[in-house]
Every structure is written in C-alpha cells, then in structure tokens.
Amino acid sequence: MPDSVYLWIQACEQLKWHNKGSDTCIDTLNRLWRKNVQARHAGGEALLDIPTVRDDMLMVSAEQWSLQKLAAVPRGHARAAPQFFGPVVILDWFERFFLLDGNTRVNFWLAHKNEGPHAVLRISERNI
C-alpha cells in the first residue's frame, strides 16, 4: 500500500464508481489508465506501452490545482453535469498527467469559469 494510506483510501473511494465487478482499486486504476484518451487512438488501439502498476509502486498527495492547470490535462468527453464534487484524481506517471476521475467536473468548472483552486488527489510513482 502506498505511503499515504489515508490519501490512497480517498483516491480509491473516488475511483470505486468505475469498478467493474469485483475489481480492486488498483485493478480499476490500471483499467482507467489503459483506456485514457492519451493512451488510445479513437479506434481503440494503444498509443502508449502502459505498465501494470501495483499499489506499492505509488504514492498519493493532496493538492490544489487551478482551472488552467486542470484544463491542460486531456479529457475524454464533453459532458459537464457532475453528480458530485469530490477531488479530481490524476495519475502523474513521470510528469505526464492522466485524468482518471473528474472529467465531467473539470468540464463543468470550465463552462462556469470556476478558477478554483480545485482539490486533486495526485497519484504518482513512489520514490524508492
């Protein structure tokens, strides 16, 4: 489990809405990463060679991001009617950002010019 156990639990709570069947949090994270807009062509073929990560390879930090910084992370759809306003979950894999949860919230904030700051749970590679 990552060093920041409490923040890892928070990130998993955000990601659980994307679980399929009996997926664990790390299963869901790996699946969302593989289907991310930056990882796949529109036709479905892979753009990136994405490793399968384990939770002991990761750490989580709680951050506040501006709307401009969030808007710079590619999003996969244009929906802008969020059901809740929890933290956005970003995977930072060696300084390349992947939006795993919060696409609709970011679109909503952009539409309403809500500059933030906005809560972000940043999952990144663990410094060993």
Protein backbone atom coordinates (compact mmCIF):
# COMPACT_ATOMS: atom_id res chain seq x y z
CA MET A 1 0.00 0.00 0.00
CA PRO A 2 1.30 3.50 -0.73
CA ASP A 3 3.00 5.54 1.99
CA SER A 4 -0.01 7.87 2.24
CA VAL A 5 -2.56 5.26 3.32
CA TYR A 6 -5.33 7.75 4.14
CA LEU A 7 -4.97 9.54 0.79
CA TRP A 8 -4.83 6.20 -1.03
CA ILE A 9 -8.17 5.28 0.59
CA GLN A 10 -9.62 8.62 -0.55
CA ALA A 11 -8.40 8.05 -4.12
CA CYS A 12 -9.90 4.55 -4.10
CA GLU A 13 -13.23 5.97 -2.90
CA GLN A 14 -13.25 8.30 -5.91
CA LEU A 15 -12.26 5.53 -8.33
CA LYS A 16 -14.72 2.93 -6.97
CA TRP A 17 -17.51 4.38 -9.13
CA HIS A 18 -15.57 2.99 -12.09
CA ASN A 19 -15.11 -0.53 -10.66
CA LYS A 20 -16.21 -3.45 -12.81
CA GLY A 21 -17.50 -6.47 -10.90
CA SER A 22 -15.09 -7.39 -8.13
CA ASP A 23 -12.27 -5.09 -9.26
CA THR A 24 -9.88 -3.85 -6.62
CA CYS A 25 -8.83 -0.22 -6.58
CA ILE A 26 -5.55 -0.97 -8.35
CA ASP A 27 -7.42 -3.03 -11.00
CA THR A 28 -9.66 -0.04 -11.67
CA LEU A 29 -6.71 2.38 -11.79
CA ASN A 30 -4.87 0.20 -14.32
CA ARG A 31 -8.00 -0.19 -16.48
CA LEU A 32 -8.81 3.54 -16.45
CA TRP A 33 -5.20 4.35 -17.33
CA ARG A 34 -5.24 1.94 -20.29
CA LYS A 35 -8.46 3.43 -21.69
CA ASN A 36 -7.39 7.04 -21.07
CA VAL A 37 -7.72 9.43 -24.03
CA GLN A 38 -3.93 9.82 -24.09
CA ALA A 39 -3.34 6.06 -24.17
CA ARG A 40 -5.65 5.01 -27.04
CA HIS A 41 -6.46 6.06 -30.58
CA ALA A 42 -10.15 6.69 -31.30
CA GLY A 43 -10.23 3.26 -32.97
CA GLY A 44 -9.10 1.62 -29.73
CA GLU A 45 -5.52 0.68 -30.50
CA ALA A 46 -2.86 1.52 -27.90
CA LEU A 47 -0.77 4.66 -28.28
CA LEU A 48 1.43 4.01 -25.26
CA ASP A 49 3.08 0.99 -23.70
CA ILE A 50 1.50 1.30 -20.26
CA PRO A 51 2.87 -0.84 -17.45
CA THR A 52 0.64 -2.59 -14.94
CA VAL A 53 1.25 -0.83 -11.64
CA ARG A 54 0.85 -2.16 -8.11
CA ASP A 55 -0.28 -0.06 -5.18
CA ASP A 56 3.15 -0.42 -3.52
CA MET A 57 4.66 1.41 -6.53
CA LEU A 58 2.53 4.51 -5.93
CA MET A 59 2.05 7.39 -3.55
CA VAL A 60 -0.79 9.89 -3.26
CA SER A 61 -0.66 13.59 -2.45
CA ALA A 62 -3.50 16.05 -1.86
CA GLU A 63 -3.08 19.20 -3.91
CA GLN A 64 -4.95 22.30 -5.04
CA TRP A 65 -4.87 22.97 -8.79
CA SER A 66 -6.03 25.98 -10.77
CA LEU A 67 -8.58 25.57 -13.51
CA GLN A 68 -5.86 26.38 -16.04
CA LYS A 69 -3.68 23.50 -14.81
CA LEU A 70 -6.63 21.08 -14.81
CA ALA A 71 -7.70 22.20 -18.29
CA ALA A 72 -4.23 21.35 -19.62
CA VAL A 73 -4.79 17.65 -18.83
CA PRO A 74 -6.54 15.98 -21.80
CA ARG A 75 -10.14 14.95 -21.16
CA GLY A 76 -12.06 12.17 -22.86
CA HIS A 77 -15.56 13.62 -23.18
CA ALA A 78 -17.52 16.88 -23.14
CA ARG A 79 -20.18 16.05 -20.51
CA ALA A 80 -20.48 18.84 -17.94
CA ALA A 81 -23.21 17.80 -15.47
CA PRO A 82 -21.37 16.31 -12.47
CA GLN A 83 -23.23 14.25 -9.88
CA PHE A 84 -20.88 15.29 -7.06
CA PHE A 85 -17.82 17.46 -6.46
CA GLY A 86 -15.20 15.24 -4.85
CA PRO A 87 -11.50 15.61 -5.60
CA VAL A 88 -10.27 15.03 -9.13
CA VAL A 89 -7.95 12.02 -9.46
CA ILE A 90 -4.85 12.50 -11.61
CA LEU A 91 -2.21 9.88 -12.33
CA ASP A 92 1.20 11.53 -12.69
CA TRP A 93 3.42 8.98 -14.38
CA PHE A 94 6.88 10.51 -14.59
CA GLU A 95 5.44 14.02 -15.07
CA ARG A 96 2.84 13.02 -17.67
CA PHE A 97 -0.66 13.62 -16.33
CA PHE A 98 -3.62 11.29 -16.93
CA LEU A 99 -7.09 12.29 -15.73
CA LEU A 100 -8.60 9.15 -14.17
CA ASP A 101 -11.66 10.64 -12.46
CA GLY A 102 -13.18 14.12 -12.69
CA ASN A 103 -13.55 14.79 -16.43
CA THR A 104 -17.17 15.96 -16.01
CA ARG A 105 -16.27 18.20 -13.04
CA VAL A 106 -13.43 19.86 -14.96
CA ASN A 107 -15.78 20.47 -17.92
CA PHE A 108 -18.35 21.98 -15.54
CA TRP A 109 -15.77 24.28 -13.96
CA LEU A 110 -14.57 25.36 -17.40
CA ALA A 111 -18.14 26.12 -18.52
CA HIS A 112 -18.73 28.19 -15.38
CA LYS A 113 -15.27 29.78 -15.31
CA ASN A 114 -14.67 28.46 -11.78
CA GLU A 115 -10.96 29.21 -11.48
CA GLY A 116 -10.60 27.24 -8.25
CA PRO A 117 -8.40 26.16 -6.67
CA HIS A 118 -9.77 22.63 -7.02
CA ALA A 119 -8.96 19.57 -4.90
CA VAL A 120 -6.80 17.00 -6.66
CA LEU A 121 -5.58 13.62 -5.48
CA ARG A 122 -2.34 13.14 -7.40
CA ILE A 123 -1.19 9.53 -7.69
CA SER A 124 2.45 9.26 -8.72
CA GLU A 125 5.33 6.84 -8.86
CA ARG A 126 6.79 6.20 -5.46
CA ASN A 127 10.31 7.45 -4.81
CA ILE A 128 12.32 4.42 -3.81
